Amino acid sequence: MFTVAMYVATSRLYDNRHFLSDVIFGSALGIASGWTVVGRHGRDSFAMMPAPVRGGAMVVFTAGGMNRRRLLQD
């Protein structure tokens, strides 16, 4: 999977279709999305969500948070 992603990223840079910053941000967004969707496994320490801003949207990353089990015990 990473081999295909690296090939696509390299070809986009080689063909002058994207800047290096675009490729780095895209890979970071893909990794963060993967962690959020399938990699959490009950951990509440990381979240990613879209947020509207004037003229577009942004991605908000949050770290920390309380454990749900701990909230239920109190």
PDB file of N, CA and C in Angstrom:
ATOM      1  N   MET A   1       0.823  -1.188   0.000  1.00  0.00           N
ATOM      2  CA  MET A   1       0.000   0.000   0.000  1.00  0.00           C
ATOM      3  C   MET A   1       0.875   1.262   0.000  1.00  0.00           C
ATOM      4  N   PHE A   2       1.884   1.274   0.874  1.00  0.00           N
ATOM      5  CA  PHE A   2       2.750   2.449   0.928  1.00  0.00           C
ATOM      6  C   PHE A   2       3.577   2.599  -0.341  1.00  0.00           C
ATOM      7  N   THR A   3       3.887   1.488  -0.988  1.00  0.00           N
ATOM      8  CA  THR A   3       4.659   1.544  -2.228  1.00  0.00           C
ATOM      9  C   THR A   3       3.867   2.259  -3.322  1.00  0.00           C
ATOM     10  N   VAL A   4       2.598   1.943  -3.423  1.00  0.00           N
ATOM     11  CA  VAL A   4       1.742   2.602  -4.421  1.00  0.00           C
ATOM     12  C   VAL A   4       1.611   4.089  -4.101  1.00  0.00           C
ATOM     13  N   ALA A   5       1.409   4.414  -2.827  1.00  0.00           N
ATOM     14  CA  ALA A   5       1.286   5.822  -2.432  1.00  0.00           C
ATOM     15  C   ALA A   5       2.573   6.593  -2.722  1.00  0.00           C
ATOM     16  N   MET A   6       3.716   5.974  -2.460  1.00  0.00           N
ATOM     17  CA  MET A   6       4.996   6.629  -2.727  1.00  0.00           C
ATOM     18  C   MET A   6       5.205   6.827  -4.227  1.00  0.00           C
ATOM     19  N   TYR A   7       4.812   5.842  -5.022  1.00  0.00           N
ATOM     20  CA  TYR A   7       4.923   5.966  -6.481  1.00  0.00           C
ATOM     21  C   TYR A   7       4.069   7.122  -6.997  1.00  0.00           C
ATOM     22  N   VAL A   8       2.827   7.207  -6.525  1.00  0.00           N
ATOM     23  CA  VAL A   8       1.940   8.291  -6.967  1.00  0.00           C
ATOM     24  C   VAL A   8       2.498   9.642  -6.548  1.00  0.00           C
ATOM     25  N   ALA A   9       2.950   9.753  -5.302  1.00  0.00           N
ATOM     26  CA  ALA A   9       3.513  11.017  -4.822  1.00  0.00           C
ATOM     27  C   ALA A   9       4.734  11.428  -5.638  1.00  0.00           C
ATOM     28  N   THR A  10       5.615  10.480  -5.908  1.00  0.00           N
ATOM     29  CA  THR A  10       6.811  10.778  -6.684  1.00  0.00           C
ATOM     30  C   THR A  10       6.470  11.185  -8.114  1.00  0.00           C
ATOM     31  N   SER A  11       5.516  10.486  -8.712  1.00  0.00           N
ATOM     32  CA  SER A  11       5.141  10.830 -10.087  1.00  0.00           C
ATOM     33  C   SER A  11       4.476  12.193 -10.166  1.00  0.00           C
ATOM     34  N   ARG A  12       3.706  12.569  -9.156  1.00  0.00           N
ATOM     35  CA  ARG A  12       3.076  13.893  -9.149  1.00  0.00           C
ATOM     36  C   ARG A  12       4.121  14.995  -9.018  1.00  0.00           C
ATOM     37  N   LEU A  13       5.160  14.745  -8.236  1.00  0.00           N
ATOM     38  CA  LEU A  13       6.243  15.717  -8.120  1.00  0.00           C
ATOM     39  C   LEU A  13       7.060  15.784  -9.408  1.00  0.00           C
ATOM     40  N   TYR A  14       7.365  14.638  -9.979  1.00  0.00           N
ATOM     41  CA  TYR A  14       8.188  14.565 -11.186  1.00  0.00           C
ATOM     42  C   TYR A  14       7.501  15.258 -12.363  1.00  0.00           C
ATOM     43  N   ASP A  15       6.180  15.108 -12.490  1.00  0.00           N
ATOM     44  CA  ASP A  15       5.424  15.712 -13.587  1.00  0.00           C
ATOM     45  C   ASP A  15       5.033  17.167 -13.310  1.00  0.00           C
ATOM     46  N   ASN A  16       5.524  17.729 -12.200  1.00  0.00           N
ATOM     47  CA  ASN A  16       5.213  19.109 -11.798  1.00  0.00           C
ATOM     48  C   ASN A  16       3.716  19.356 -11.671  1.00  0.00           C
ATOM     49  N   ARG A  17       3.002  18.369 -11.128  1.00  0.00           N
ATOM     50  CA  ARG A  17       1.561  18.506 -10.892  1.00  0.00           C
ATOM     51  C   ARG A  17       1.275  19.043  -9.491  1.00  0.00           C
ATOM     52  N   HIS A  18       2.194  18.793  -8.548  1.00  0.00           N
ATOM     53  CA  HIS A  18       2.022  19.246  -7.166  1.00  0.00           C
ATOM     54  C   HIS A  18       3.348  19.756  -6.632  1.00  0.00           C
ATOM     55  N   PHE A  19       3.244  20.629  -5.619  1.00  0.00           N
ATOM     56  CA  PHE A  19       4.416  21.059  -4.875  1.00  0.00           C
ATOM     57  C   PHE A  19       4.719  20.019  -3.797  1.00  0.00           C
ATOM     58  N   LEU A  20       5.940  20.027  -3.277  1.00  0.00           N
ATOM     59  CA  LEU A  20       6.315  19.103  -2.222  1.00  0.00           C
ATOM     60  C   LEU A  20       5.429  19.295  -0.991  1.00  0.00           C
ATOM     61  N   SER A  21       5.084  20.534  -0.665  1.00  0.00           N
ATOM     62  CA  SER A  21       4.222  20.790   0.492  1.00  0.00           C
ATOM     63  C   SER A  21       2.843  20.151   0.317  1.00  0.00           C
ATOM     64  N   ASP A  22       2.317  20.116  -0.912  1.00  0.00           N
ATOM     65  CA  ASP A  22       1.037  19.458  -1.173  1.00  0.00           C
ATOM     66  C   ASP A  22       1.114  17.966  -0.891  1.00  0.00           C
ATOM     67  N   VAL A  23       2.203  17.351  -1.334  1.00  0.00           N
ATOM     68  CA  VAL A  23       2.378  15.910  -1.150  1.00  0.00           C
ATOM     69  C   VAL A  23       2.552  15.575   0.323  1.00  0.00           C
ATOM     70  N   ILE A  24       3.324  16.369   1.045  1.00  0.00           N
ATOM     71  CA  ILE A  24       3.533  16.118   2.478  1.00  0.00           C
ATOM     72  C   ILE A  24       2.242  16.297   3.249  1.00  0.00           C
ATOM     73  N   PHE A  25       1.502  17.370   2.975  1.00  0.00           N
ATOM     74  CA  PHE A  25       0.238  17.585   3.670  1.00  0.00           C
ATOM     75  C   PHE A  25      -0.760  16.472   3.335  1.00  0.00           C
ATOM     76  N   GLY A  26      -0.815  16.058   2.081  1.00  0.00           N
ATOM     77  CA  GLY A  26      -1.722  14.987   1.688  1.00  0.00           C
ATOM     78  C   GLY A  26      -1.404  13.675   2.380  1.00  0.00           C
ATOM     79  N   SER A  27      -0.123  13.363   2.505  1.00  0.00           N
ATOM     80  CA  SER A  27       0.251  12.123   3.192  1.00  0.00           C
ATOM     81  C   SER A  27      -0.055  12.213   4.686  1.00  0.00           C
ATOM     82  N   ALA A  28       0.184  13.368   5.293  1.00  0.00           N
ATOM     83  CA  ALA A  28      -0.142  13.541   6.708  1.00  0.00           C
ATOM     84  C   ALA A  28      -1.645  13.430   6.939  1.00  0.00           C
ATOM     85  N   LEU A  29      -2.431  14.014   6.046  1.00  0.00           N
ATOM     86  CA  LEU A  29      -3.885  13.930   6.167  1.00  0.00           C
ATOM     87  C   LEU A  29      -4.365  12.487   5.997  1.00  0.00           C
ATOM     88  N   GLY A  30      -3.771  11.759   5.068  1.00  0.00           N
ATOM     89  CA  GLY A  30      -4.134  10.361   4.873  1.00  0.00           C
ATOM     90  C   GLY A  30      -3.789   9.490   6.072  1.00  0.00           C
ATOM     91  N   ILE A  31      -2.619   9.709   6.647  1.00  0.00           N
ATOM     92  CA  ILE A  31      -2.218   8.943   7.830  1.00  0.00           C
ATOM     93  C   ILE A  31      -3.126   9.269   9.005  1.00  0.00           C
ATOM     94  N   ALA A  32      -3.400  10.555   9.220  1.00  0.00           N
ATOM     95  CA  ALA A  32      -4.283  10.954  10.324  1.00  0.00           C
ATOM     96  C   ALA A  32      -5.691  10.398  10.137  1.00  0.00           C
ATOM     97  N   SER A  33      -6.177  10.392   8.914  1.00  0.00           N
ATOM     98  CA  SER A  33      -7.502   9.824   8.642  1.00  0.00           C
ATOM     99  C   SER A  33      -7.524   8.331   8.946  1.00  0.00           C
ATOM    100  N   GLY A  34      -6.486   7.638   8.555  1.00  0.00           N
ATOM    101  CA  GLY A  34      -6.403   6.209   8.848  1.00  0.00           C
ATOM    102  C   GLY A  34      -6.384   5.923  10.333  1.00  0.00           C
ATOM    103  N   TRP A  35      -5.597   6.697  11.077  1.00  0.00           N
ATOM    104  CA  TRP A  35      -5.565   6.518  12.532  1.00  0.00           C
ATOM    105  C   TRP A  35      -6.932   6.787  13.140  1.00  0.00           C
ATOM    106  N   THR A  36      -7.611   7.824  12.656  1.00  0.00           N
ATOM    107  CA  THR A  36      -8.909   8.190  13.212  1.00  0.00           C
ATOM    108  C   THR A  36      -9.961   7.133  12.914  1.00  0.00           C
ATOM    109  N   VAL A  37      -9.967   6.605  11.708  1.00  0.00           N
ATOM    110  CA  VAL A  37     -11.020   5.676  11.307  1.00  0.00           C
ATOM    111  C   VAL A  37     -10.790   4.275  11.864  1.00  0.00           C
ATOM    112  N   VAL A  38      -9.610   3.715  11.704  1.00  0.00           N
ATOM    113  CA  VAL A  38      -9.400   2.322  12.091  1.00  0.00           C
ATOM    114  C   VAL A  38      -8.360   2.117  13.178  1.00  0.00           C
ATOM    115  N   GLY A  39      -7.576   3.101  13.486  1.00  0.00           N
ATOM    116  CA  GLY A  39      -6.472   2.893  14.411  1.00  0.00           C
ATOM    117  C   GLY A  39      -6.734   3.270  15.845  1.00  0.00           C
ATOM    118  N   ARG A  40      -7.908   3.771  16.160  1.00  0.00           N
ATOM    119  CA  ARG A  40      -8.155   4.248  17.520  1.00  0.00           C
ATOM    120  C   ARG A  40      -8.395   3.105  18.498  1.00  0.00           C
ATOM    121  N   HIS A  41      -9.212   2.151  18.147  1.00  0.00           N
ATOM    122  CA  HIS A  41      -9.495   0.981  18.982  1.00  0.00           C
ATOM    123  C   HIS A  41      -9.809   1.371  20.422  1.00  0.00           C
ATOM    124  N   GLY A  42     -10.732   2.310  20.595  1.00  0.00           N
ATOM    125  CA  GLY A  42     -11.180   2.679  21.929  1.00  0.00           C
ATOM    126  C   GLY A  42     -10.409   3.791  22.595  1.00  0.00           C
ATOM    127  N   ARG A  43      -9.343   4.263  21.999  1.00  0.00           N
ATOM    128  CA  ARG A  43      -8.578   5.358  22.612  1.00  0.00           C
ATOM    129  C   ARG A  43      -9.249   6.688  22.279  1.00  0.00           C
ATOM    130  N   ASP A  44      -9.333   7.547  23.268  1.00  0.00           N
ATOM    131  CA  ASP A  44      -9.931   8.864  23.072  1.00  0.00           C
ATOM    132  C   ASP A  44      -8.883   9.965  23.048  1.00  0.00           C
ATOM    133  N   SER A  45      -7.655   9.637  22.698  1.00  0.00           N
ATOM    134  CA  SER A  45      -6.588  10.625  22.793  1.00  0.00           C
ATOM    135  C   SER A  45      -6.353  11.408  21.506  1.00  0.00           C
ATOM    136  N   PHE A  46      -7.031  11.063  20.404  1.00  0.00           N
ATOM    137  CA  PHE A  46      -6.789  11.739  19.148  1.00  0.00           C
ATOM    138  C   PHE A  46      -8.080  11.794  18.353  1.00  0.00           C
ATOM    139  N   ALA A  47      -8.367  12.958  17.764  1.00  0.00           N
ATOM    140  CA  ALA A  47      -9.556  13.087  16.919  1.00  0.00           C
ATOM    141  C   ALA A  47      -9.268  14.086  15.814  1.00  0.00           C
ATOM    142  N   MET A  48      -9.950  13.914  14.708  1.00  0.00           N
ATOM    143  CA  MET A  48      -9.822  14.809  13.567  1.00  0.00           C
ATOM    144  C   MET A  48     -11.221  15.069  13.030  1.00  0.00           C
ATOM    145  N   MET A  49     -11.556  16.344  12.782  1.00  0.00           N
ATOM    146  CA  MET A  49     -12.879  16.658  12.271  1.00  0.00           C
ATOM    147  C   MET A  49     -12.837  17.896  11.388  1.00  0.00           C
ATOM    148  N   PRO A  50     -13.738  17.967  10.409  1.00  0.00           N
ATOM    149  CA  PRO A  50     -13.790  19.163   9.563  1.00  0.00           C
ATOM    150  C   PRO A  50     -14.500  20.301  10.290  1.00  0.00           C
ATOM    151  N   ALA A  51     -14.127  21.525   9.967  1.00  0.00           N
ATOM    152  CA  ALA A  51     -14.760  22.705  10.543  1.00  0.00           C
ATOM    153  C   ALA A  51     -14.907  23.761   9.455  1.00  0.00           C
ATOM    154  N   PRO A  52     -16.099  24.375   9.361  1.00  0.00           N
ATOM    155  CA  PRO A  52     -16.278  25.404   8.338  1.00  0.00           C
ATOM    156  C   PRO A  52     -15.569  26.706   8.722  1.00  0.00           C
ATOM    157  N   VAL A  53     -14.998  27.367   7.747  1.00  0.00           N
ATOM    158  CA  VAL A  53     -14.421  28.693   7.910  1.00  0.00           C
ATOM    159  C   VAL A  53     -14.891  29.537   6.731  1.00  0.00           C
ATOM    160  N   ARG A  54     -14.765  30.828   6.851  1.00  0.00           N
ATOM    161  CA  ARG A  54     -15.188  31.701   5.775  1.00  0.00           C
ATOM    162  C   ARG A  54     -14.421  31.388   4.491  1.00  0.00           C
ATOM    163  N   GLY A  55     -15.145  31.039   3.453  1.00  0.00           N
ATOM    164  CA  GLY A  55     -14.517  30.748   2.174  1.00  0.00           C
ATOM    165  C   GLY A  55     -14.041  29.313   1.997  1.00  0.00           C
ATOM    166  N   GLY A  56     -14.357  28.412   2.920  1.00  0.00           N
ATOM    167  CA  GLY A  56     -13.915  27.027   2.753  1.00  0.00           C
ATOM    168  C   GLY A  56     -14.082  26.205   4.004  1.00  0.00           C
ATOM    169  N   ALA A  57     -13.137  25.329   4.232  1.00  0.00           N
ATOM    170  CA  ALA A  57     -13.176  24.440   5.393  1.00  0.00           C
ATOM    171  C   ALA A  57     -11.747  24.183   5.867  1.00  0.00           C
ATOM    172  N   MET A  58     -11.636  23.723   7.101  1.00  0.00           N
ATOM    173  CA  MET A  58     -10.333  23.350   7.641  1.00  0.00           C
ATOM    174  C   MET A  58     -10.479  22.055   8.415  1.00  0.00           C
ATOM    175  N   VAL A  59      -9.373  21.422   8.700  1.00  0.00           N
ATOM    176  CA  VAL A  59      -9.361  20.193   9.471  1.00  0.00           C
ATOM    177  C   VAL A  59      -8.820  20.517  10.855  1.00  0.00           C
ATOM    178  N   VAL A  60      -9.571  20.132  11.898  1.00  0.00           N
ATOM    179  CA  VAL A  60      -9.183  20.397  13.274  1.00  0.00           C
ATOM    180  C   VAL A  60      -8.680  19.093  13.896  1.00  0.00           C
ATOM    181  N   PHE A  61      -7.478  19.135  14.479  1.00  0.00           N
ATOM    182  CA  PHE A  61      -6.918  17.991  15.176  1.00  0.00           C
ATOM    183  C   PHE A  61      -6.976  18.260  16.670  1.00  0.00           C
ATOM    184  N   THR A  62      -7.444  17.298  17.438  1.00  0.00           N
ATOM    185  CA  THR A  62      -7.464  17.437  18.889  1.00  0.00           C
ATOM    186  C   THR A  62      -6.707  16.278  19.508  1.00  0.00           C
ATOM    187  N   ALA A  63      -5.988  16.557  20.554  1.00  0.00           N
ATOM    188  CA  ALA A  63      -5.257  15.522  21.282  1.00  0.00           C
ATOM    189  C   ALA A  63      -5.610  15.635  22.751  1.00  0.00           C
ATOM    190  N   GLY A  64      -5.516  14.546  23.450  1.00  0.00           N
ATOM    191  CA  GLY A  64      -5.861  14.532  24.867  1.00  0.00           C
ATOM    192  C   GLY A  64      -7.247  13.966  25.050  1.00  0.00           C
ATOM    193  N   GLY A  65      -8.000  14.517  25.949  1.00  0.00           N
ATOM    194  CA  GLY A  65      -9.348  14.023  26.205  1.00  0.00           C
ATOM    195  C   GLY A  65      -9.361  13.070  27.374  1.00  0.00           C
ATOM    196  N   MET A  66     -10.549  12.853  27.878  1.00  0.00           N
ATOM    197  CA  MET A  66     -10.704  11.972  29.023  1.00  0.00           C
ATOM    198  C   MET A  66     -11.180  10.607  28.566  1.00  0.00           C
ATOM    199  N   ASN A  67     -10.839   9.627  29.312  1.00  0.00           N
ATOM    200  CA  ASN A  67     -11.261   8.267  29.049  1.00  0.00           C
ATOM    201  C   ASN A  67     -12.715   8.105  29.496  1.00  0.00           C
ATOM    202  N   ARG A  68     -13.557   7.489  28.687  1.00  0.00           N
ATOM    203  CA  ARG A  68     -14.970   7.332  29.027  1.00  0.00           C
ATOM    204  C   ARG A  68     -15.155   6.476  30.270  1.00  0.00           C
ATOM    205  N   ARG A  69     -14.362   5.441  30.427  1.00  0.00           N
ATOM    206  CA  ARG A  69     -14.493   4.591  31.621  1.00  0.00           C
ATOM    207  C   ARG A  69     -14.225   5.393  32.878  1.00  0.00           C
ATOM    208  N   ARG A  70     -13.275   6.282  32.797  1.00  0.00           N
ATOM    209  CA  ARG A  70     -12.954   7.098  33.965  1.00  0.00           C
ATOM    210  C   ARG A  70     -14.096   8.046  34.299  1.00  0.00           C
ATOM    211  N   LEU A  71     -14.766   8.575  33.281  1.00  0.00           N
ATOM    212  CA  LEU A  71     -15.914   9.446  33.525  1.00  0.00           C
ATOM    213  C   LEU A  71     -17.055   8.677  34.171  1.00  0.00           C
ATOM    214  N   LEU A  72     -17.265   7.452  33.761  1.00  0.00           N
ATOM    215  CA  LEU A  72     -18.352   6.655  34.323  1.00  0.00           C
ATOM    216  C   LEU A  72     -18.080   6.250  35.760  1.00  0.00           C
ATOM    217  N   GLN A  73     -16.827   6.100  36.146  1.00  0.00           N
ATOM    218  CA  GLN A  73     -16.492   5.704  37.503  1.00  0.00           C
ATOM    219  C   GLN A  73     -16.694   6.837  38.494  1.00  0.00           C
ATOM    220  N   ASP A  74     -16.550   8.075  38.060  1.00  0.00           N
ATOM    221  CA  ASP A  74     -16.671   9.227  38.981  1.00  0.00           C
ATOM    222  C   ASP A  74     -18.087   9.535  39.366  1.00  0.00           C
TER     223      ASP A  74
END
